[in-house]
């Protein structure tokens, strides 16, 4: 058996995905495998699942695992304690996940937030290739983000760089699970948009159907998407004022909505930024659901 490729693991709330990437042809990995996370069975089961997945990658590729493996996680490593925090996979919080996996896998583990991995992959091989500063946004069930500067993740002093989902939007007061009020996540995450549509239209409808109904002229659906435009503009303008990124790439289910990339949305953003024009590119991702695991593998490069 031989060592080759870049090895990465994307640890999600419902699935664990592993990849062995071909650095000479990133879009044609040597192998990709998935298994259920089954986080309800506890922390030890998650560790065992990752160990088994890496062993499956070895068997299926005929390669030995390398000296280092990159892993993308929900939540972040607290630089002060070395423990994971802010994960919606609750059994991972306050654990020494990186050290425990390094011991279990018998190799060095490099770890980053899943949004950071998304941003890193898109900045390396995707829509934002070769941009100096990239902000990768996750707009889905939750709202998160990652920052990549000159090809490197910027995680910040507290490990929370890019967490724009927990910035407040002026005038919004709904409680967030984090304990604060009016967070971006409570307004423009997928479930938040669905809740708003239900409140004004009296009907529970999933987000793709809301988009379809808006195209057909439904007033509640149209109002929901116009709210998305205005609140997204307010929220992202704060990020642009502080970071002034070259490129913003939007992943997640909400990121599939065409309205976010329209000229009217750029005009709405321009009303809130400290500049007379908006030059920042706002793009759809090129790597799709591969971005997270590809970014994790990129950590090990």
C-alpha atoms as a PDB file:
ATOM      1  CA  UNK A   1       0.000   0.000   0.000  1.00  0.00           C
ATOM      2  CA  UNK A   2       1.122   3.557  -0.728  1.00  0.00           C
ATOM      3  CA  UNK A   3       0.344   7.013   0.609  1.00  0.00           C
ATOM      4  CA  UNK A   4      -1.086   9.443  -1.905  1.00  0.00           C
ATOM      5  CA  UNK A   5      -3.637  12.212  -2.178  1.00  0.00           C
ATOM      6  CA  UNK A   6      -5.143  14.640   0.297  1.00  0.00           C
ATOM      7  CA  UNK A   7      -7.395  13.078   2.917  1.00  0.00           C
ATOM      8  CA  UNK A   8     -10.347  14.936   4.395  1.00  0.00           C
ATOM      9  CA  UNK A   9     -13.380  14.240   6.571  1.00  0.00           C
ATOM     10  CA  UNK A  10     -16.554  16.334   6.706  1.00  0.00           C
ATOM     11  CA  UNK A  11     -18.222  15.656  10.050  1.00  0.00           C
ATOM     12  CA  UNK A  12     -21.873  16.692   9.858  1.00  0.00           C
ATOM     13  CA  UNK A  13     -24.869  16.336  12.120  1.00  0.00           C
ATOM     14  CA  UNK A  14     -26.377  13.548   9.998  1.00  0.00           C
ATOM     15  CA  UNK A  15     -23.503  12.214   7.890  1.00  0.00           C
ATOM     16  CA  UNK A  16     -19.755  11.759   7.912  1.00  0.00           C
ATOM     17  CA  UNK A  17     -18.101  12.003   4.516  1.00  0.00           C
ATOM     18  CA  UNK A  18     -14.532  11.102   3.671  1.00  0.00           C
ATOM     19  CA  UNK A  19     -12.510  11.885   0.568  1.00  0.00           C
ATOM     20  CA  UNK A  20      -9.115  11.040  -0.848  1.00  0.00           C
ATOM     21  CA  UNK A  21      -8.418  13.827  -3.302  1.00  0.00           C
ATOM     22  CA  UNK A  22      -6.151  13.783  -6.283  1.00  0.00           C
ATOM     23  CA  UNK A  23      -4.229  17.083  -5.958  1.00  0.00           C
ATOM     24  CA  UNK A  24      -3.499  17.030  -9.692  1.00  0.00           C
ATOM     25  CA  UNK A  25      -7.206  16.682 -10.549  1.00  0.00           C
ATOM     26  CA  UNK A  26      -9.266  17.988  -7.600  1.00  0.00           C
ATOM     27  CA  UNK A  27     -12.621  17.428  -9.273  1.00  0.00           C
ATOM     28  CA  UNK A  28     -11.856  13.730  -9.756  1.00  0.00           C
ATOM     29  CA  UNK A  29     -11.114  12.372  -6.251  1.00  0.00           C
ATOM     30  CA  UNK A  30      -9.664   8.906  -5.825  1.00  0.00           C
ATOM     31  CA  UNK A  31     -12.516   7.993  -3.489  1.00  0.00           C
ATOM     32  CA  UNK A  32     -15.500   9.450  -1.594  1.00  0.00           C
ATOM     33  CA  UNK A  33     -17.409   7.516   1.064  1.00  0.00           C
ATOM     34  CA  UNK A  34     -20.254   8.409   3.423  1.00  0.00           C
ATOM     35  CA  UNK A  35     -21.806   6.949   6.536  1.00  0.00           C
ATOM     36  CA  UNK A  36     -24.419   8.108   9.036  1.00  0.00           C
ATOM     37  CA  UNK A  37     -23.157  10.111  11.999  1.00  0.00           C
ATOM     38  CA  UNK A  38     -25.665   8.617  14.470  1.00  0.00           C
ATOM     39  CA  UNK A  39     -24.674  11.303  16.971  1.00  0.00           C
ATOM     40  CA  UNK A  40     -27.541  10.265  19.262  1.00  0.00           C
ATOM     41  CA  UNK A  41     -25.440   7.222  20.178  1.00  0.00           C
ATOM     42  CA  UNK A  42     -22.866   9.481  21.786  1.00  0.00           C
ATOM     43  CA  UNK A  43     -19.396  10.935  21.414  1.00  0.00           C
ATOM     44  CA  UNK A  44     -17.569   7.612  21.422  1.00  0.00           C
ATOM     45  CA  UNK A  45     -19.720   6.352  18.551  1.00  0.00           C
ATOM     46  CA  UNK A  46     -18.861   9.428  16.460  1.00  0.00           C
ATOM     47  CA  UNK A  47     -15.140   8.830  17.046  1.00  0.00           C
ATOM     48  CA  UNK A  48     -15.497   5.156  16.101  1.00  0.00           C
ATOM     49  CA  UNK A  49     -17.440   6.086  12.970  1.00  0.00           C
ATOM     50  CA  UNK A  50     -14.639   8.340  11.748  1.00  0.00           C
ATOM     51  CA  UNK A  51     -12.012   5.683  12.492  1.00  0.00           C
ATOM     52  CA  UNK A  52     -14.028   3.089  10.560  1.00  0.00           C
ATOM     53  CA  UNK A  53     -14.517   5.472   7.635  1.00  0.00           C
ATOM     54  CA  UNK A  54     -10.781   6.135   7.366  1.00  0.00           C
ATOM     55  CA  UNK A  55     -10.160   2.377   7.422  1.00  0.00           C
ATOM     56  CA  UNK A  56     -12.727   1.964   4.623  1.00  0.00           C
ATOM     57  CA  UNK A  57     -10.899   4.624   2.587  1.00  0.00           C
ATOM     58  CA  UNK A  58      -7.653   2.694   3.040  1.00  0.00           C
ATOM     59  CA  UNK A  59      -9.231  -0.566   1.890  1.00  0.00           C
ATOM     60  CA  UNK A  60     -11.058   0.915  -1.074  1.00  0.00           C
ATOM     61  CA  UNK A  61      -8.084   2.912  -2.410  1.00  0.00           C
ATOM     62  CA  UNK A  62      -5.252   0.558  -1.514  1.00  0.00           C
ATOM     63  CA  UNK A  63      -3.470   3.519   0.122  1.00  0.00           C
ATOM     64  CA  UNK A  64      -2.128   3.972   3.627  1.00  0.00           C
ATOM     65  CA  UNK A  65      -3.563   6.857   5.573  1.00  0.00           C
ATOM     66  CA  UNK A  66      -1.231   9.882   5.480  1.00  0.00           C
ATOM     67  CA  UNK A  67       0.553  11.567   8.374  1.00  0.00           C
ATOM     68  CA  UNK A  68      -2.136  14.255   8.507  1.00  0.00           C
ATOM     69  CA  UNK A  69      -5.869  14.360   7.833  1.00  0.00           C
ATOM     70  CA  UNK A  70      -8.064  17.460   7.616  1.00  0.00           C
ATOM     71  CA  UNK A  71     -11.446  17.436   9.335  1.00  0.00           C
ATOM     72  CA  UNK A  72     -14.296  19.927   9.008  1.00  0.00           C
ATOM     73  CA  UNK A  73     -16.640  20.126  11.977  1.00  0.00           C
ATOM     74  CA  UNK A  74     -19.798  21.827  13.149  1.00  0.00           C
ATOM     75  CA  UNK A  75     -18.637  24.299  15.777  1.00  0.00           C
ATOM     76  CA  UNK A  76     -15.109  25.573  16.369  1.00  0.00           C
ATOM     77  CA  UNK A  77     -12.079  24.750  18.456  1.00  0.00           C
ATOM     78  CA  UNK A  78     -11.744  27.209  21.343  1.00  0.00           C
ATOM     79  CA  UNK A  79      -8.121  28.409  21.143  1.00  0.00           C
ATOM     80  CA  UNK A  80      -8.042  28.887  24.920  1.00  0.00           C
ATOM     81  CA  UNK A  81      -9.111  25.357  25.882  1.00  0.00           C
ATOM     82  CA  UNK A  82      -8.565  23.225  22.779  1.00  0.00           C
ATOM     83  CA  UNK A  83     -12.150  21.959  23.131  1.00  0.00           C
ATOM     84  CA  UNK A  84     -14.960  22.165  20.597  1.00  0.00           C
ATOM     85  CA  UNK A  85     -17.702  24.748  21.171  1.00  0.00           C
ATOM     86  CA  UNK A  86     -20.808  26.123  19.416  1.00  0.00           C
ATOM     87  CA  UNK A  87     -21.630  22.797  17.726  1.00  0.00           C
ATOM     88  CA  UNK A  88     -25.233  21.888  16.940  1.00  0.00           C
ATOM     89  CA  UNK A  89     -24.113  18.260  17.325  1.00  0.00           C
ATOM     90  CA  UNK A  90     -24.345  18.627  21.071  1.00  0.00           C
ATOM     91  CA  UNK A  91     -22.328  15.564  22.086  1.00  0.00           C
ATOM     92  CA  UNK A  92     -19.221  17.164  20.545  1.00  0.00           C
ATOM     93  CA  UNK A  93     -19.279  20.314  22.668  1.00  0.00           C
ATOM     94  CA  UNK A  94     -16.607  20.684  25.351  1.00  0.00           C
ATOM     95  CA  UNK A  95     -14.712  17.635  24.067  1.00  0.00           C
ATOM     96  CA  UNK A  96     -11.060  17.424  23.039  1.00  0.00           C
ATOM     97  CA  UNK A  97     -12.191  16.223  19.612  1.00  0.00           C
ATOM     98  CA  UNK A  98      -9.027  17.077  17.715  1.00  0.00           C
ATOM     99  CA  UNK A  99      -6.726  15.373  20.219  1.00  0.00           C
ATOM    100  CA  UNK A 100      -8.997  12.358  20.623  1.00  0.00           C
ATOM    101  CA  UNK A 101      -9.193  11.848  16.853  1.00  0.00           C
ATOM    102  CA  UNK A 102      -5.445  12.277  16.468  1.00  0.00           C
ATOM    103  CA  UNK A 103      -4.937   9.493  19.011  1.00  0.00           C
ATOM    104  CA  UNK A 104      -7.623   7.248  17.510  1.00  0.00           C
ATOM    105  CA  UNK A 105      -6.337   7.711  13.939  1.00  0.00           C
ATOM    106  CA  UNK A 106      -2.649   7.691  14.874  1.00  0.00           C
ATOM    107  CA  UNK A 107      -1.924  10.741  12.740  1.00  0.00           C
ATOM    108  CA  UNK A 108      -1.979  14.529  12.952  1.00  0.00           C
ATOM    109  CA  UNK A 109      -5.479  16.024  12.690  1.00  0.00           C
ATOM    110  CA  UNK A 110      -6.034  19.526  11.329  1.00  0.00           C
ATOM    111  CA  UNK A 111      -9.492  20.836  12.118  1.00  0.00           C
ATOM    112  CA  UNK A 112     -11.632  23.781  11.015  1.00  0.00           C
ATOM    113  CA  UNK A 113     -15.261  24.830  11.106  1.00  0.00           C
ATOM    114  CA  UNK A 114     -17.363  23.453   8.246  1.00  0.00           C
ATOM    115  CA  UNK A 115     -18.087  26.977   6.937  1.00  0.00           C
ATOM    116  CA  UNK A 116     -14.349  27.697   6.917  1.00  0.00           C
ATOM    117  CA  UNK A 117     -13.822  24.514   4.907  1.00  0.00           C
ATOM    118  CA  UNK A 118     -16.526  25.593   2.455  1.00  0.00           C
ATOM    119  CA  UNK A 119     -14.835  28.978   2.003  1.00  0.00           C
ATOM    120  CA  UNK A 120     -11.382  27.415   1.655  1.00  0.00           C
ATOM    121  CA  UNK A 121     -12.510  24.972  -1.029  1.00  0.00           C
ATOM    122  CA  UNK A 122     -14.289  27.652  -3.070  1.00  0.00           C
ATOM    123  CA  UNK A 123     -11.269  29.951  -2.740  1.00  0.00           C
ATOM    124  CA  UNK A 124      -8.889  27.184  -3.862  1.00  0.00           C
ATOM    125  CA  UNK A 125     -10.783  25.300  -6.556  1.00  0.00           C
ATOM    126  CA  UNK A 126     -14.193  26.927  -6.906  1.00  0.00           C
ATOM    127  CA  UNK A 127     -16.031  30.150  -7.671  1.00  0.00           C
ATOM    128  CA  UNK A 128     -13.571  32.408  -5.816  1.00  0.00           C
ATOM    129  CA  UNK A 129     -10.371  30.842  -7.104  1.00  0.00           C
ATOM    130  CA  UNK A 130      -7.374  33.176  -6.628  1.00  0.00           C
ATOM    131  CA  UNK A 131      -9.385  35.969  -4.939  1.00  0.00           C
ATOM    132  CA  UNK A 132      -7.405  37.699  -2.175  1.00  0.00           C
ATOM    133  CA  UNK A 133     -10.157  37.737   0.452  1.00  0.00           C
ATOM    134  CA  UNK A 134     -13.142  35.405   0.277  1.00  0.00           C
ATOM    135  CA  UNK A 135     -16.167  35.322   2.549  1.00  0.00           C
ATOM    136  CA  UNK A 136     -17.953  31.996   2.313  1.00  0.00           C
ATOM    137  CA  UNK A 137     -21.532  32.166   3.599  1.00  0.00           C
ATOM    138  CA  UNK A 138     -23.701  29.272   4.661  1.00  0.00           C
ATOM    139  CA  UNK A 139     -27.388  30.129   4.338  1.00  0.00           C
ATOM    140  CA  UNK A 140     -29.445  27.085   5.155  1.00  0.00           C
ATOM    141  CA  UNK A 141     -31.032  25.660   8.294  1.00  0.00           C
ATOM    142  CA  UNK A 142     -28.625  27.964  10.106  1.00  0.00           C
ATOM    143  CA  UNK A 143     -26.433  30.879   9.081  1.00  0.00           C
ATOM    144  CA  UNK A 144     -22.649  30.825   9.271  1.00  0.00           C
ATOM    145  CA  UNK A 145     -19.574  31.892   7.424  1.00  0.00           C
ATOM    146  CA  UNK A 146     -15.849  31.525   6.931  1.00  0.00           C
ATOM    147  CA  UNK A 147     -13.070  33.884   5.915  1.00  0.00           C
ATOM    148  CA  UNK A 148     -10.114  33.007   3.693  1.00  0.00           C
ATOM    149  CA  UNK A 149      -7.282  35.490   3.152  1.00  0.00           C
ATOM    150  CA  UNK A 150      -4.629  34.733   0.542  1.00  0.00           C
ATOM    151  CA  UNK A 151      -5.544  31.054   0.577  1.00  0.00           C
ATOM    152  CA  UNK A 152      -5.523  30.653   4.373  1.00  0.00           C
ATOM    153  CA  UNK A 153      -8.408  30.439   6.830  1.00  0.00           C
ATOM    154  CA  UNK A 154      -8.685  33.326   9.253  1.00  0.00           C
ATOM    155  CA  UNK A 155     -10.288  31.904  12.401  1.00  0.00           C
ATOM    156  CA  UNK A 156      -9.637  34.804  14.780  1.00  0.00           C
ATOM    157  CA  UNK A 157      -8.547  35.179  18.380  1.00  0.00           C
ATOM    158  CA  UNK A 158     -11.629  33.414  19.782  1.00  0.00           C
ATOM    159  CA  UNK A 159     -12.092  31.019  16.855  1.00  0.00           C
ATOM    160  CA  UNK A 160     -15.344  32.737  15.814  1.00  0.00           C
ATOM    161  CA  UNK A 161     -14.271  34.747  12.746  1.00  0.00           C
ATOM    162  CA  UNK A 162     -16.990  34.677  10.098  1.00  0.00           C
ATOM    163  CA  UNK A 163     -19.886  33.977  12.494  1.00  0.00           C
ATOM    164  CA  UNK A 164     -22.056  36.694  10.989  1.00  0.00           C
ATOM    165  CA  UNK A 165     -25.186  34.637  11.660  1.00  0.00           C
ATOM    166  CA  UNK A 166     -25.119  35.932  15.229  1.00  0.00           C
ATOM    167  CA  UNK A 167     -24.822  39.607  14.429  1.00  0.00           C
ATOM    168  CA  UNK A 168     -28.029  41.536  15.233  1.00  0.00           C
ATOM    169  CA  UNK A 169     -30.187  43.027  12.488  1.00  0.00           C
ATOM    170  CA  UNK A 170     -31.551  46.469  13.458  1.00  0.00           C
ATOM    171  CA  UNK A 171     -35.206  46.338  14.467  1.00  0.00           C
ATOM    172  CA  UNK A 172     -35.347  42.536  14.806  1.00  0.00           C
ATOM    173  CA  UNK A 173     -36.126  41.137  18.252  1.00  0.00           C
ATOM    174  CA  UNK A 174     -36.815  37.401  17.921  1.00  0.00           C
ATOM    175  CA  UNK A 175     -34.924  35.264  20.432  1.00  0.00           C
ATOM    176  CA  UNK A 176     -32.035  33.146  19.136  1.00  0.00           C
ATOM    177  CA  UNK A 177     -30.847  29.864  20.638  1.00  0.00           C
ATOM    178  CA  UNK A 178     -27.553  31.629  21.436  1.00  0.00           C
ATOM    179  CA  UNK A 179     -29.364  33.794  23.984  1.00  0.00           C
ATOM    180  CA  UNK A 180     -29.320  37.024  21.985  1.00  0.00           C
ATOM    181  CA  UNK A 181     -32.089  38.832  20.120  1.00  0.00           C
ATOM    182  CA  UNK A 182     -32.533  39.587  16.434  1.00  0.00           C
ATOM    183  CA  UNK A 183     -29.623  37.501  15.132  1.00  0.00           C
ATOM    184  CA  UNK A 184     -29.277  37.164  11.353  1.00  0.00           C
ATOM    185  CA  UNK A 185     -30.042  33.454  11.740  1.00  0.00           C
ATOM    186  CA  UNK A 186     -33.476  34.219  13.252  1.00  0.00           C
ATOM    187  CA  UNK A 187     -34.414  36.257  10.183  1.00  0.00           C
ATOM    188  CA  UNK A 188     -32.991  34.777   6.968  1.00  0.00           C
ATOM    189  CA  UNK A 189     -32.215  31.135   7.734  1.00  0.00           C
ATOM    190  CA  UNK A 190     -34.481  28.738   5.827  1.00  0.00           C
ATOM    191  CA  UNK A 191     -36.751  27.867   8.791  1.00  0.00           C
ATOM    192  CA  UNK A 192     -36.999  31.574   9.697  1.00  0.00           C
ATOM    193  CA  UNK A 193     -38.212  32.455   6.189  1.00  0.00           C
ATOM    194  CA  UNK A 194     -40.709  29.589   6.289  1.00  0.00           C
ATOM    195  CA  UNK A 195     -41.977  30.789   9.671  1.00  0.00           C
ATOM    196  CA  UNK A 196     -42.421  34.339   8.344  1.00  0.00           C
ATOM    197  CA  UNK A 197     -44.386  33.044   5.354  1.00  0.00           C
ATOM    198  CA  UNK A 198     -46.620  31.033   7.683  1.00  0.00           C
ATOM    199  CA  UNK A 199     -47.210  34.059   9.911  1.00  0.00           C
ATOM    200  CA  UNK A 200     -48.290  36.345   7.061  1.00  0.00           C
ATOM    201  CA  UNK A 201     -49.928  33.762   4.801  1.00  0.00           C
ATOM    202  CA  UNK A 202     -51.408  31.308   7.268  1.00  0.00           C
ATOM    203  CA  UNK A 203     -49.917  28.279   5.552  1.00  0.00           C
ATOM    204  CA  UNK A 204     -46.883  26.136   6.305  1.00  0.00           C
ATOM    205  CA  UNK A 205     -44.848  25.863   3.090  1.00  0.00           C
ATOM    206  CA  UNK A 206     -41.274  24.707   2.485  1.00  0.00           C
ATOM    207  CA  UNK A 207     -38.818  27.199   1.040  1.00  0.00           C
ATOM    208  CA  UNK A 208     -38.575  25.803  -2.525  1.00  0.00           C
ATOM    209  CA  UNK A 209     -42.373  26.020  -2.785  1.00  0.00           C
ATOM    210  CA  UNK A 210     -42.297  29.602  -1.496  1.00  0.00           C
ATOM    211  CA  UNK A 211     -39.863  30.478  -4.305  1.00  0.00           C
ATOM    212  CA  UNK A 212     -42.108  28.771  -6.865  1.00  0.00           C
ATOM    213  CA  UNK A 213     -45.198  30.546  -5.549  1.00  0.00           C
ATOM    214  CA  UNK A 214     -43.440  33.907  -5.686  1.00  0.00           C
ATOM    215  CA  UNK A 215     -42.734  33.295  -9.386  1.00  0.00           C
ATOM    216  CA  UNK A 216     -46.460  32.611  -9.847  1.00  0.00           C
ATOM    217  CA  UNK A 217     -47.410  35.900  -8.182  1.00  0.00           C
ATOM    218  CA  UNK A 218     -48.346  34.808  -4.656  1.00  0.00           C
ATOM    219  CA  UNK A 219     -48.344  37.866  -2.406  1.00  0.00           C
ATOM    220  CA  UNK A 220     -47.172  36.153   0.850  1.00  0.00           C
ATOM    221  CA  UNK A 221     -44.414  34.334  -1.038  1.00  0.00           C
ATOM    222  CA  UNK A 222     -43.305  37.510  -2.823  1.00  0.00           C
ATOM    223  CA  UNK A 223     -43.311  39.425   0.459  1.00  0.00           C
ATOM    224  CA  UNK A 224     -41.187  36.687   2.066  1.00  0.00           C
ATOM    225  CA  UNK A 225     -38.543  36.922  -0.658  1.00  0.00           C
ATOM    226  CA  UNK A 226     -38.539  40.718  -0.578  1.00  0.00           C
ATOM    227  CA  UNK A 227     -37.919  40.476   3.156  1.00  0.00           C
ATOM    228  CA  UNK A 228     -35.023  38.112   2.440  1.00  0.00           C
ATOM    229  CA  UNK A 229     -33.544  40.649   0.009  1.00  0.00           C
ATOM    230  CA  UNK A 230     -33.723  43.598   2.390  1.00  0.00           C
ATOM    231  CA  UNK A 231     -32.561  41.757   5.500  1.00  0.00           C
ATOM    232  CA  UNK A 232     -29.747  39.989   3.632  1.00  0.00           C
ATOM    233  CA  UNK A 233     -28.648  43.387   2.303  1.00  0.00           C
ATOM    234  CA  UNK A 234     -28.552  44.855   5.804  1.00  0.00           C
ATOM    235  CA  UNK A 235     -26.724  41.859   7.246  1.00  0.00           C
ATOM    236  CA  UNK A 236     -24.083  41.451   4.569  1.00  0.00           C
ATOM    237  CA  UNK A 237     -23.436  45.196   4.351  1.00  0.00           C
ATOM    238  CA  UNK A 238     -22.062  45.085   7.899  1.00  0.00           C
ATOM    239  CA  UNK A 239     -19.621  42.361   6.812  1.00  0.00           C
ATOM    240  CA  UNK A 240     -18.593  44.302   3.703  1.00  0.00           C
ATOM    241  CA  UNK A 241     -18.010  47.473   5.730  1.00  0.00           C
ATOM    242  CA  UNK A 242     -15.642  45.628   8.072  1.00  0.00           C
ATOM    243  CA  UNK A 243     -13.864  43.155   5.766  1.00  0.00           C
ATOM    244  CA  UNK A 244     -14.352  44.601   2.267  1.00  0.00           C
ATOM    245  CA  UNK A 245     -13.914  41.142   0.654  1.00  0.00           C
ATOM    246  CA  UNK A 246     -13.167  40.613  -3.024  1.00  0.00           C
ATOM    247  CA  UNK A 247     -15.703  37.807  -3.324  1.00  0.00           C
ATOM    248  CA  UNK A 248     -18.647  36.398  -1.398  1.00  0.00           C
ATOM    249  CA  UNK A 249     -19.762  32.833  -2.154  1.00  0.00           C
ATOM    250  CA  UNK A 250     -23.129  31.659  -0.836  1.00  0.00           C
ATOM    251  CA  UNK A 251     -23.775  28.020   0.003  1.00  0.00           C
ATOM    252  CA  UNK A 252     -26.725  26.280   1.629  1.00  0.00           C
ATOM    253  CA  UNK A 253     -30.340  25.887   0.560  1.00  0.00           C
ATOM    254  CA  UNK A 254     -31.206  29.594   0.829  1.00  0.00           C
ATOM    255  CA  UNK A 255     -28.168  30.292  -1.348  1.00  0.00           C
ATOM    256  CA  UNK A 256     -29.982  28.574  -4.238  1.00  0.00           C
ATOM    257  CA  UNK A 257     -32.552  31.386  -4.457  1.00  0.00           C
ATOM    258  CA  UNK A 258     -31.819  33.444  -7.622  1.00  0.00           C
ATOM    259  CA  UNK A 259     -32.987  36.689  -5.996  1.00  0.00           C
ATOM    260  CA  UNK A 260     -29.757  36.895  -3.964  1.00  0.00           C
ATOM    261  CA  UNK A 261     -27.697  37.382  -7.128  1.00  0.00           C
ATOM    262  CA  UNK A 262     -29.946  39.892  -8.882  1.00  0.00           C
ATOM    263  CA  UNK A 263     -29.064  43.523  -9.543  1.00  0.00           C
ATOM    264  CA  UNK A 264     -31.857  44.656  -7.227  1.00  0.00           C
ATOM    265  CA  UNK A 265     -30.162  42.867  -4.337  1.00  0.00           C
ATOM    266  CA  UNK A 266     -26.841  44.525  -5.135  1.00  0.00           C
ATOM    267  CA  UNK A 267     -28.641  47.886  -5.141  1.00  0.00           C
ATOM    268  CA  UNK A 268     -30.175  47.067  -1.771  1.00  0.00           C
ATOM    269  CA  UNK A 269     -26.745  46.227  -0.344  1.00  0.00           C
ATOM    270  CA  UNK A 270     -25.287  49.433  -1.757  1.00  0.00           C
ATOM    271  CA  UNK A 271     -27.799  51.448   0.289  1.00  0.00           C
ATOM    272  CA  UNK A 272     -26.197  50.119   3.480  1.00  0.00           C
ATOM    273  CA  UNK A 273     -22.452  50.094   2.735  1.00  0.00           C
ATOM    274  CA  UNK A 274     -20.037  52.941   3.331  1.00  0.00           C
ATOM    275  CA  UNK A 275     -19.319  53.406  -0.358  1.00  0.00           C
ATOM    276  CA  UNK A 276     -21.049  54.749  -3.448  1.00  0.00           C
ATOM    277  CA  UNK A 277     -20.842  51.448  -5.372  1.00  0.00           C
ATOM    278  CA  UNK A 278     -20.560  47.723  -4.743  1.00  0.00           C
ATOM    279  CA  UNK A 279     -17.709  45.969  -6.536  1.00  0.00           C
ATOM    280  CA  UNK A 280     -17.676  42.781  -4.446  1.00  0.00           C
ATOM    281  CA  UNK A 281     -18.592  39.688  -6.474  1.00  0.00           C
ATOM    282  CA  UNK A 282     -21.488  37.683  -5.007  1.00  0.00           C
ATOM    283  CA  UNK A 283     -21.420  34.198  -6.474  1.00  0.00           C
ATOM    284  CA  UNK A 284     -22.981  30.761  -6.322  1.00  0.00           C
ATOM    285  CA  UNK A 285     -20.556  27.972  -5.340  1.00  0.00           C
ATOM    286  CA  UNK A 286     -19.044  25.777  -8.029  1.00  0.00           C
ATOM    287  CA  UNK A 287     -18.310  22.753  -5.854  1.00  0.00           C
ATOM    288  CA  UNK A 288     -21.815  22.078  -4.537  1.00  0.00           C
ATOM    289  CA  UNK A 289     -21.969  19.596  -1.676  1.00  0.00           C
ATOM    290  CA  UNK A 290     -18.323  18.693  -2.302  1.00  0.00           C
ATOM    291  CA  UNK A 291     -17.051  21.981  -0.890  1.00  0.00           C
ATOM    292  CA  UNK A 292     -17.039  20.965   2.770  1.00  0.00           C
ATOM    293  CA  UNK A 293     -15.108  17.737   2.399  1.00  0.00           C
ATOM    294  CA  UNK A 294     -12.794  19.200  -0.273  1.00  0.00           C
ATOM    295  CA  UNK A 295     -11.983  22.079   2.084  1.00  0.00           C
ATOM    296  CA  UNK A 296     -11.229  19.626   4.864  1.00  0.00           C
ATOM    297  CA  UNK A 297      -8.793  17.810   2.575  1.00  0.00           C
ATOM    298  CA  UNK A 298      -7.230  21.155   1.634  1.00  0.00           C
ATOM    299  CA  UNK A 299      -6.359  21.649   5.322  1.00  0.00           C
ATOM    300  CA  UNK A 300      -3.942  18.759   5.007  1.00  0.00           C
ATOM    301  CA  UNK A 301      -2.166  20.120   1.922  1.00  0.00           C
END
